[in-house]
């Protein structure tokens, strides 16, 4: 047949899509949360000092703690870095001592319409999006998901709601 190299992707289709890789067919037309994430997020290492990390916090007021391969280990929020109200009391401590371990994550292949339909009350400020191995892809902000749902996502939301009408 002329193929020089052939690979067998043994992890399977779910893992493929969970890694945010492209698909085909009718389901490929749905917007996935991976298309809405911001990959430019603040990251830090466990050994970085609180003082260093405080200067990296962006508009989300959060820094994701990752290892050398960008696997998400935890997160720190601005309020975590303040100690007892006296920032100088924690400045030299490593953020690994203060981080919230194992934050909840989502995979990039989750249909945005399904997620938006579950959080219509604006119940989350952000979601951490990783691949199946825990490697950081980015952050999905609730405000960005809401903007998508009110704009180009309206048709997809209507389709999802029609498909789940149990009346």
N, C-alpha and C. Protein backbone atom coordinates (compact mmCIF):
# COMPACT_ATOMS: atom_id res chain seq x y z
N UNK A 1 0.81 -1.19 0.00
CA UNK A 1 0.00 0.00 0.00
C UNK A 1 0.85 1.26 0.00
N UNK A 2 2.12 1.13 0.29
CA UNK A 2 2.99 2.29 0.22
C UNK A 2 3.21 3.01 1.54
N UNK A 3 2.67 2.50 2.65
CA UNK A 3 2.88 3.13 3.95
C UNK A 3 4.24 2.71 4.48
N UNK A 4 5.06 3.69 4.83
CA UNK A 4 6.37 3.35 5.37
C UNK A 4 6.32 3.15 6.88
N UNK A 5 5.51 3.95 7.56
CA UNK A 5 5.37 3.81 9.00
C UNK A 5 3.90 3.77 9.36
N UNK A 6 3.51 2.81 10.18
CA UNK A 6 2.14 2.67 10.63
C UNK A 6 2.15 2.60 12.15
N UNK A 7 1.23 3.34 12.78
CA UNK A 7 1.16 3.35 14.23
C UNK A 7 -0.20 2.85 14.69
N UNK A 8 -0.22 2.19 15.80
CA UNK A 8 -1.47 1.74 16.41
C UNK A 8 -1.65 2.55 17.68
N UNK A 9 -2.64 3.45 17.68
CA UNK A 9 -2.89 4.30 18.84
C UNK A 9 -3.67 3.48 19.86
N UNK A 10 -2.97 2.83 20.76
CA UNK A 10 -3.59 1.86 21.66
C UNK A 10 -4.39 2.49 22.79
N UNK A 11 -4.17 3.76 23.06
CA UNK A 11 -4.91 4.39 24.16
C UNK A 11 -6.39 4.56 23.83
N UNK A 12 -6.71 4.63 22.56
CA UNK A 12 -8.11 4.66 22.14
C UNK A 12 -8.63 6.03 21.78
N UNK A 13 -9.84 6.01 21.24
CA UNK A 13 -10.48 7.22 20.72
C UNK A 13 -10.77 8.23 21.83
N UNK A 14 -11.22 7.78 22.98
CA UNK A 14 -11.55 8.70 24.07
C UNK A 14 -10.30 9.45 24.52
N UNK A 15 -9.18 8.75 24.62
CA UNK A 15 -7.93 9.40 25.00
C UNK A 15 -7.50 10.39 23.92
N UNK A 16 -7.68 10.03 22.66
CA UNK A 16 -7.33 10.90 21.53
C UNK A 16 -8.08 12.22 21.65
N UNK A 17 -9.40 12.14 21.82
CA UNK A 17 -10.21 13.35 21.93
C UNK A 17 -9.93 14.08 23.24
N UNK A 18 -9.66 13.33 24.30
CA UNK A 18 -9.35 13.93 25.59
C UNK A 18 -8.08 14.75 25.57
N UNK A 19 -7.20 14.43 24.64
CA UNK A 19 -5.96 15.19 24.48
C UNK A 19 -6.18 16.42 23.60
N UNK A 20 -7.43 16.60 23.13
CA UNK A 20 -7.74 17.77 22.33
C UNK A 20 -7.36 17.62 20.87
N UNK A 21 -7.13 16.38 20.44
CA UNK A 21 -6.76 16.15 19.05
C UNK A 21 -8.01 16.14 18.16
N UNK A 22 -7.84 16.43 16.87
CA UNK A 22 -9.01 16.60 15.99
C UNK A 22 -9.79 15.32 15.74
N UNK A 23 -11.07 15.49 15.44
CA UNK A 23 -11.93 14.36 15.11
C UNK A 23 -12.68 14.65 13.83
N UNK A 24 -13.49 13.70 13.43
CA UNK A 24 -14.28 13.84 12.21
C UNK A 24 -15.73 13.54 12.52
N UNK A 25 -16.58 13.81 11.56
CA UNK A 25 -17.99 13.47 11.69
C UNK A 25 -18.81 14.60 12.29
N UNK A 26 -20.07 14.28 12.58
CA UNK A 26 -21.01 15.27 13.07
C UNK A 26 -20.58 15.88 14.41
N UNK A 27 -20.04 15.05 15.28
CA UNK A 27 -19.63 15.55 16.60
C UNK A 27 -18.46 16.53 16.50
N UNK A 28 -17.67 16.43 15.43
CA UNK A 28 -16.52 17.33 15.27
C UNK A 28 -16.96 18.77 15.04
N UNK A 29 -18.23 18.97 14.67
CA UNK A 29 -18.74 20.32 14.43
C UNK A 29 -19.03 21.07 15.72
N UNK A 30 -19.13 20.35 16.84
CA UNK A 30 -19.41 20.99 18.12
C UNK A 30 -18.18 21.74 18.63
N UNK A 31 -18.41 22.87 19.24
CA UNK A 31 -17.31 23.61 19.87
C UNK A 31 -16.96 22.90 21.16
N UNK A 32 -15.70 22.61 21.33
CA UNK A 32 -15.18 21.95 22.54
C UNK A 32 -14.54 23.01 23.43
N UNK A 33 -14.50 22.74 24.73
CA UNK A 33 -13.93 23.76 25.63
C UNK A 33 -12.47 24.05 25.32
N UNK A 34 -11.77 23.10 24.70
CA UNK A 34 -10.39 23.34 24.32
C UNK A 34 -10.23 24.53 23.38
N UNK A 35 -11.28 24.82 22.62
CA UNK A 35 -11.23 25.96 21.69
C UNK A 35 -11.45 27.28 22.42
N UNK A 36 -11.90 27.22 23.66
CA UNK A 36 -12.23 28.44 24.41
C UNK A 36 -11.22 28.75 25.51
N UNK A 37 -10.26 27.87 25.72
CA UNK A 37 -9.31 28.08 26.82
C UNK A 37 -8.28 29.15 26.50
N UNK A 38 -7.76 29.73 27.54
CA UNK A 38 -6.65 30.67 27.43
C UNK A 38 -5.40 29.89 27.84
N UNK A 39 -4.50 29.68 26.91
CA UNK A 39 -3.29 28.91 27.21
C UNK A 39 -2.22 29.77 27.87
N UNK A 40 -2.41 31.07 27.87
CA UNK A 40 -1.45 31.99 28.48
C UNK A 40 -1.84 32.22 29.94
N UNK A 41 -1.53 31.25 30.78
CA UNK A 41 -1.88 31.36 32.20
C UNK A 41 -0.62 31.39 33.05
N UNK A 42 -0.75 31.96 34.22
CA UNK A 42 0.40 32.04 35.12
C UNK A 42 0.71 30.66 35.68
N UNK A 43 1.98 30.28 35.59
CA UNK A 43 2.42 29.01 36.16
C UNK A 43 3.62 29.25 37.07
N UNK A 44 3.83 28.30 37.96
CA UNK A 44 4.98 28.37 38.85
C UNK A 44 5.38 26.96 39.24
N UNK A 45 6.55 26.84 39.80
CA UNK A 45 7.04 25.56 40.30
C UNK A 45 6.84 25.51 41.81
N UNK A 46 6.80 24.31 42.35
CA UNK A 46 6.57 24.15 43.80
C UNK A 46 7.60 24.89 44.64
N UNK A 47 8.82 24.98 44.14
CA UNK A 47 9.89 25.60 44.93
C UNK A 47 9.97 27.11 44.75
N UNK A 48 9.19 27.69 43.85
CA UNK A 48 9.19 29.14 43.68
C UNK A 48 8.70 29.81 44.95
N UNK A 49 9.30 30.93 45.28
CA UNK A 49 8.91 31.61 46.52
C UNK A 49 7.59 32.35 46.33
N UNK A 50 6.91 32.56 47.43
CA UNK A 50 5.66 33.29 47.43
C UNK A 50 5.88 34.68 46.82
N UNK A 51 6.99 35.30 47.17
CA UNK A 51 7.28 36.64 46.65
C UNK A 51 7.37 36.63 45.13
N UNK A 52 8.05 35.62 44.55
CA UNK A 52 8.16 35.50 43.09
C UNK A 52 6.78 35.31 42.45
N UNK A 53 6.00 34.43 43.04
CA UNK A 53 4.70 34.07 42.46
C UNK A 53 3.71 35.22 42.57
N UNK A 54 3.75 35.94 43.66
CA UNK A 54 2.83 37.07 43.84
C UNK A 54 2.96 38.04 42.67
N UNK A 55 4.18 38.22 42.16
CA UNK A 55 4.41 39.12 41.04
C UNK A 55 3.93 38.57 39.71
N UNK A 56 3.63 37.27 39.64
CA UNK A 56 3.18 36.64 38.38
C UNK A 56 1.68 36.54 38.25
N UNK A 57 0.95 36.77 39.33
CA UNK A 57 -0.50 36.59 39.28
C UNK A 57 -1.09 37.52 38.23
N UNK A 58 -1.92 36.95 37.39
CA UNK A 58 -2.56 37.75 36.35
C UNK A 58 -3.94 38.19 36.80
N UNK A 59 -4.78 38.45 35.85
CA UNK A 59 -6.13 38.92 36.13
C UNK A 59 -6.97 37.87 36.84
N UNK A 60 -6.59 36.59 36.72
CA UNK A 60 -7.33 35.52 37.39
C UNK A 60 -6.99 35.42 38.87
N UNK A 61 -5.93 36.10 39.31
CA UNK A 61 -5.48 36.04 40.69
C UNK A 61 -5.17 34.60 41.10
N UNK A 62 -4.61 33.83 40.14
CA UNK A 62 -4.27 32.43 40.39
C UNK A 62 -3.00 32.08 39.62
N UNK A 63 -2.23 31.17 40.19
CA UNK A 63 -1.04 30.63 39.53
C UNK A 63 -1.14 29.11 39.63
N UNK A 64 -1.00 28.43 38.50
CA UNK A 64 -1.04 26.97 38.50
C UNK A 64 0.35 26.43 38.78
N UNK A 65 0.43 25.54 39.74
CA UNK A 65 1.70 24.93 40.11
C UNK A 65 1.89 23.71 39.21
N UNK A 66 2.97 23.72 38.43
CA UNK A 66 3.24 22.65 37.47
C UNK A 66 4.66 22.13 37.67
N UNK A 67 4.89 20.90 37.16
CA UNK A 67 6.25 20.38 37.19
C UNK A 67 6.95 20.73 35.88
N UNK A 68 8.11 20.19 35.63
CA UNK A 68 8.88 20.51 34.43
C UNK A 68 8.20 20.12 33.13
N UNK A 69 7.29 19.16 33.19
CA UNK A 69 6.54 18.73 32.00
C UNK A 69 5.19 19.42 31.89
N UNK A 70 4.95 20.43 32.72
CA UNK A 70 3.70 21.20 32.78
C UNK A 70 2.50 20.38 33.26
N UNK A 71 2.77 19.33 34.03
CA UNK A 71 1.69 18.57 34.65
C UNK A 71 1.21 19.38 35.86
N UNK A 72 -0.10 19.57 35.96
CA UNK A 72 -0.67 20.39 37.03
C UNK A 72 -0.61 19.63 38.35
N UNK A 73 0.03 20.24 39.34
CA UNK A 73 0.16 19.66 40.67
C UNK A 73 -0.76 20.33 41.68
N UNK A 74 -1.05 21.60 41.44
CA UNK A 74 -1.89 22.35 42.37
C UNK A 74 -2.09 23.76 41.86
N UNK A 75 -2.69 24.57 42.71
CA UNK A 75 -2.85 25.98 42.35
C UNK A 75 -2.78 26.82 43.61
N UNK A 76 -2.38 28.06 43.41
CA UNK A 76 -2.38 29.04 44.49
C UNK A 76 -3.15 30.26 44.02
N UNK A 77 -3.94 30.80 44.92
CA UNK A 77 -4.68 32.02 44.64
C UNK A 77 -4.04 33.16 45.43
N UNK A 78 -4.33 34.36 45.00
CA UNK A 78 -3.76 35.53 45.66
C UNK A 78 -3.97 35.50 47.16
N UNK A 79 -5.15 35.09 47.60
CA UNK A 79 -5.45 35.05 49.03
C UNK A 79 -4.58 34.03 49.77
N UNK A 80 -4.14 32.96 49.06
CA UNK A 80 -3.26 31.96 49.68
C UNK A 80 -1.89 32.53 49.97
N UNK A 81 -1.51 33.57 49.23
CA UNK A 81 -0.16 34.13 49.33
C UNK A 81 -0.04 35.23 50.38
N UNK A 82 -1.15 35.57 51.01
CA UNK A 82 -1.14 36.68 51.96
C UNK A 82 -0.83 36.26 53.39
N UNK A 83 -0.79 34.98 53.68
CA UNK A 83 -0.49 34.53 55.03
C UNK A 83 -1.52 35.05 56.02
N UNK A 84 -1.05 35.57 57.14
CA UNK A 84 -1.93 36.08 58.19
C UNK A 84 -2.20 37.57 58.01
N UNK A 85 -2.20 38.03 56.78
CA UNK A 85 -2.41 39.46 56.53
C UNK A 85 -1.10 40.21 56.45
N UNK A 86 -0.01 39.57 56.83
CA UNK A 86 1.31 40.19 56.75
C UNK A 86 2.10 39.48 55.66
N UNK A 87 2.12 40.01 54.44
CA UNK A 87 2.79 39.34 53.33
C UNK A 87 4.25 38.99 53.61
N UNK A 88 4.94 39.80 54.39
CA UNK A 88 6.36 39.52 54.66
C UNK A 88 6.54 38.23 55.45
N UNK A 89 5.49 37.75 56.14
CA UNK A 89 5.62 36.54 56.94
C UNK A 89 5.68 35.29 56.08
N UNK A 90 5.29 35.38 54.80
CA UNK A 90 5.31 34.19 53.94
C UNK A 90 6.15 34.37 52.69
N UNK A 91 6.72 35.53 52.46
CA UNK A 91 7.41 35.84 51.22
C UNK A 91 8.46 34.82 50.79
N UNK A 92 9.21 34.25 51.71
CA UNK A 92 10.31 33.34 51.34
C UNK A 92 9.89 31.88 51.30
N UNK A 93 8.68 31.57 51.71
CA UNK A 93 8.21 30.18 51.70
C UNK A 93 7.97 29.73 50.25
N UNK A 94 8.19 28.45 49.96
CA UNK A 94 7.86 27.94 48.63
C UNK A 94 6.34 27.78 48.49
N UNK A 95 5.83 28.06 47.29
CA UNK A 95 4.38 27.97 47.08
C UNK A 95 3.88 26.55 47.26
N UNK A 96 4.76 25.57 47.13
CA UNK A 96 4.37 24.18 47.33
C UNK A 96 3.80 23.93 48.72
N UNK A 97 4.21 24.75 49.69
CA UNK A 97 3.68 24.62 51.06
C UNK A 97 2.29 25.22 51.19
N UNK A 98 1.91 26.10 50.28
CA UNK A 98 0.65 26.82 50.38
C UNK A 98 -0.39 26.41 49.33
N UNK A 99 0.04 25.65 48.34
CA UNK A 99 -0.85 25.37 47.21
C UNK A 99 -2.01 24.46 47.60
N UNK A 100 -3.08 24.59 46.86
CA UNK A 100 -4.22 23.70 46.96
C UNK A 100 -3.90 22.53 46.03
N UNK A 101 -3.73 21.35 46.60
CA UNK A 101 -3.32 20.19 45.80
C UNK A 101 -4.44 19.65 44.94
N UNK A 102 -4.05 19.10 43.79
CA UNK A 102 -4.96 18.39 42.92
C UNK A 102 -6.24 19.12 42.55
N UNK A 103 -6.14 20.28 41.92
CA UNK A 103 -7.37 20.99 41.55
C UNK A 103 -8.18 20.18 40.54
N UNK A 104 -9.48 20.38 40.55
CA UNK A 104 -10.34 19.71 39.58
C UNK A 104 -9.97 20.18 38.19
N UNK A 105 -9.98 19.25 37.26
CA UNK A 105 -9.65 19.57 35.88
C UNK A 105 -10.70 18.99 34.94
N UNK A 106 -10.73 19.52 33.74
CA UNK A 106 -11.60 19.02 32.68
C UNK A 106 -10.73 18.73 31.47
N UNK A 107 -11.22 17.89 30.58
CA UNK A 107 -10.53 17.60 29.33
C UNK A 107 -11.02 18.55 28.24
N UNK A 108 -10.19 18.84 27.26
CA UNK A 108 -10.54 19.81 26.22
C UNK A 108 -11.65 19.34 25.28
N UNK A 109 -11.98 18.05 25.29
CA UNK A 109 -12.98 17.54 24.36
C UNK A 109 -14.41 17.66 24.86
N UNK A 110 -14.61 18.19 26.06
CA UNK A 110 -15.96 18.36 26.59
C UNK A 110 -16.69 19.41 25.74
N UNK A 111 -17.88 19.05 25.23
CA UNK A 111 -18.62 20.04 24.44
C UNK A 111 -18.96 21.28 25.27
N UNK A 112 -18.64 22.43 24.74
CA UNK A 112 -18.89 23.69 25.46
C UNK A 112 -20.38 23.84 25.77
N UNK A 113 -21.25 23.42 24.86
CA UNK A 113 -22.69 23.58 25.07
C UNK A 113 -23.17 22.76 26.26
N UNK A 114 -22.60 21.58 26.46
CA UNK A 114 -23.02 20.75 27.59
C UNK A 114 -22.58 21.38 28.90
N UNK A 115 -21.39 21.92 28.92
CA UNK A 115 -20.89 22.54 30.13
C UNK A 115 -21.64 23.84 30.42
N UNK A 116 -21.87 24.64 29.38
CA UNK A 116 -22.59 25.90 29.57
C UNK A 116 -24.00 25.65 30.07
N UNK A 117 -24.62 24.56 29.62
CA UNK A 117 -25.96 24.23 30.07
C UNK A 117 -26.02 23.85 31.53
N UNK A 118 -24.91 23.39 32.08
CA UNK A 118 -24.86 22.98 33.48
C UNK A 118 -24.52 24.12 34.42
N UNK A 119 -23.97 25.19 33.91
CA UNK A 119 -23.51 26.26 34.79
C UNK A 119 -24.13 27.60 34.45
N UNK A 120 -25.37 27.58 34.06
CA UNK A 120 -26.02 28.81 33.65
C UNK A 120 -26.07 29.87 34.75
N UNK A 121 -25.90 29.45 35.98
CA UNK A 121 -25.97 30.42 37.08
C UNK A 121 -24.63 31.10 37.33
N UNK A 122 -23.64 30.87 36.48
CA UNK A 122 -22.32 31.50 36.65
C UNK A 122 -21.60 30.98 37.87
N UNK A 123 -21.73 29.67 38.13
CA UNK A 123 -21.22 29.09 39.37
C UNK A 123 -19.72 28.82 39.40
N UNK A 124 -18.99 29.10 38.33
CA UNK A 124 -17.55 28.91 38.42
C UNK A 124 -16.81 30.07 37.80
N UNK A 125 -15.73 30.49 38.44
CA UNK A 125 -14.93 31.57 37.87
C UNK A 125 -13.99 31.05 36.77
N UNK A 126 -13.50 29.80 36.95
CA UNK A 126 -12.55 29.23 35.98
C UNK A 126 -12.46 27.72 36.17
N UNK A 127 -12.07 27.06 35.09
CA UNK A 127 -11.79 25.63 35.12
C UNK A 127 -10.39 25.41 34.55
N UNK A 128 -9.66 24.50 35.16
CA UNK A 128 -8.35 24.12 34.66
C UNK A 128 -8.57 23.01 33.63
N UNK A 129 -7.98 23.17 32.45
CA UNK A 129 -8.14 22.19 31.38
C UNK A 129 -6.78 21.53 31.13
N UNK A 130 -6.78 20.18 31.20
CA UNK A 130 -5.56 19.40 31.00
C UNK A 130 -5.83 18.28 30.02
N UNK A 131 -4.75 17.67 29.53
CA UNK A 131 -4.91 16.46 28.73
C UNK A 131 -5.04 15.27 29.68
N UNK A 132 -5.23 14.05 29.18
CA UNK A 132 -5.43 12.90 30.07
C UNK A 132 -4.25 12.62 31.01
N UNK A 133 -3.06 13.09 30.67
CA UNK A 133 -1.90 12.88 31.54
C UNK A 133 -1.74 14.00 32.56
N UNK A 134 -2.64 14.97 32.55
CA UNK A 134 -2.58 16.07 33.50
C UNK A 134 -1.76 17.26 33.04
N UNK A 135 -1.32 17.26 31.79
CA UNK A 135 -0.54 18.36 31.26
C UNK A 135 -1.44 19.55 30.98
N UNK A 136 -1.03 20.70 31.46
CA UNK A 136 -1.81 21.92 31.34
C UNK A 136 -2.04 22.32 29.90
N UNK A 137 -3.31 22.57 29.57
CA UNK A 137 -3.68 23.13 28.27
C UNK A 137 -4.02 24.60 28.46
N UNK A 138 -4.75 24.92 29.52
CA UNK A 138 -5.09 26.31 29.79
C UNK A 138 -6.21 26.42 30.80
N UNK A 139 -6.77 27.61 30.89
CA UNK A 139 -7.88 27.89 31.80
C UNK A 139 -9.08 28.31 30.97
N UNK A 140 -10.23 27.75 31.34
CA UNK A 140 -11.49 28.19 30.76
C UNK A 140 -12.16 29.07 31.80
N UNK A 141 -12.34 30.32 31.47
CA UNK A 141 -13.00 31.25 32.39
C UNK A 141 -14.51 31.16 32.18
N UNK A 142 -15.24 31.23 33.27
CA UNK A 142 -16.69 31.20 33.21
C UNK A 142 -17.22 32.32 32.34
N UNK A 143 -16.61 33.49 32.43
CA UNK A 143 -17.05 34.64 31.64
C UNK A 143 -16.87 34.37 30.14
N UNK A 144 -15.79 33.67 29.77
CA UNK A 144 -15.56 33.36 28.35
C UNK A 144 -16.59 32.34 27.85
N UNK A 145 -16.92 31.38 28.69
CA UNK A 145 -17.92 30.39 28.31
C UNK A 145 -19.29 31.05 28.17
N UNK A 146 -19.61 31.96 29.09
CA UNK A 146 -20.88 32.68 29.01
C UNK A 146 -20.95 33.54 27.75
N UNK A 147 -19.86 34.20 27.41
CA UNK A 147 -19.82 35.02 26.19
C UNK A 147 -20.04 34.15 24.96
N UNK A 148 -19.40 32.99 24.92
CA UNK A 148 -19.58 32.06 23.81
C UNK A 148 -21.05 31.62 23.72
N UNK A 149 -21.62 31.28 24.88
CA UNK A 149 -23.01 30.80 24.92
C UNK A 149 -24.00 31.86 24.46
N UNK A 150 -23.71 33.12 24.75
CA UNK A 150 -24.61 34.20 24.36
C UNK A 150 -24.39 34.64 22.92
N UNK A 151 -23.27 34.22 22.32
CA UNK A 151 -22.95 34.61 20.95
C UNK A 151 -23.04 33.43 20.01
N UNK A 152 -21.87 33.01 19.53
CA UNK A 152 -21.82 31.96 18.52
C UNK A 152 -22.28 30.59 19.02
N UNK A 153 -22.40 30.40 20.31
CA UNK A 153 -22.82 29.11 20.85
C UNK A 153 -24.31 28.93 21.00
N UNK A 154 -25.10 29.96 20.72
CA UNK A 154 -26.55 29.88 20.91
C UNK A 154 -27.17 28.68 20.20
N UNK A 155 -26.82 28.47 18.95
CA UNK A 155 -27.39 27.36 18.19
C UNK A 155 -27.03 26.02 18.80
N UNK A 156 -25.78 25.87 19.22
CA UNK A 156 -25.36 24.60 19.83
C UNK A 156 -26.08 24.37 21.15
N UNK A 157 -26.27 25.43 21.92
CA UNK A 157 -27.00 25.30 23.19
C UNK A 157 -28.44 24.86 22.95
N UNK A 158 -29.09 25.43 21.96
CA UNK A 158 -30.47 25.04 21.65
C UNK A 158 -30.54 23.58 21.25
N UNK A 159 -29.57 23.12 20.46
CA UNK A 159 -29.54 21.73 20.03
C UNK A 159 -29.37 20.80 21.22
N UNK A 160 -28.48 21.15 22.14
CA UNK A 160 -28.25 20.32 23.33
C UNK A 160 -29.50 20.28 24.19
N UNK A 161 -30.14 21.43 24.40
CA UNK A 161 -31.35 21.46 25.23
C UNK A 161 -32.49 20.68 24.59
N UNK A 162 -32.63 20.75 23.25
CA UNK A 162 -33.67 19.98 22.56
C UNK A 162 -33.42 18.48 22.71
N UNK A 163 -32.16 18.09 22.64
CA UNK A 163 -31.81 16.68 22.76
C UNK A 163 -31.98 16.12 24.14
N UNK A 164 -32.06 16.99 25.15
CA UNK A 164 -32.22 16.55 26.54
C UNK A 164 -33.57 16.93 27.12
N UNK A 165 -34.54 17.22 26.28
CA UNK A 165 -35.87 17.58 26.76
C UNK A 165 -36.62 16.31 27.17
N UNK A 166 -36.83 16.17 28.46
CA UNK A 166 -37.48 14.97 28.98
C UNK A 166 -38.94 15.20 29.32
N UNK A 167 -39.49 16.33 28.86
CA UNK A 167 -40.85 16.73 29.21
C UNK A 167 -41.84 15.77 28.78
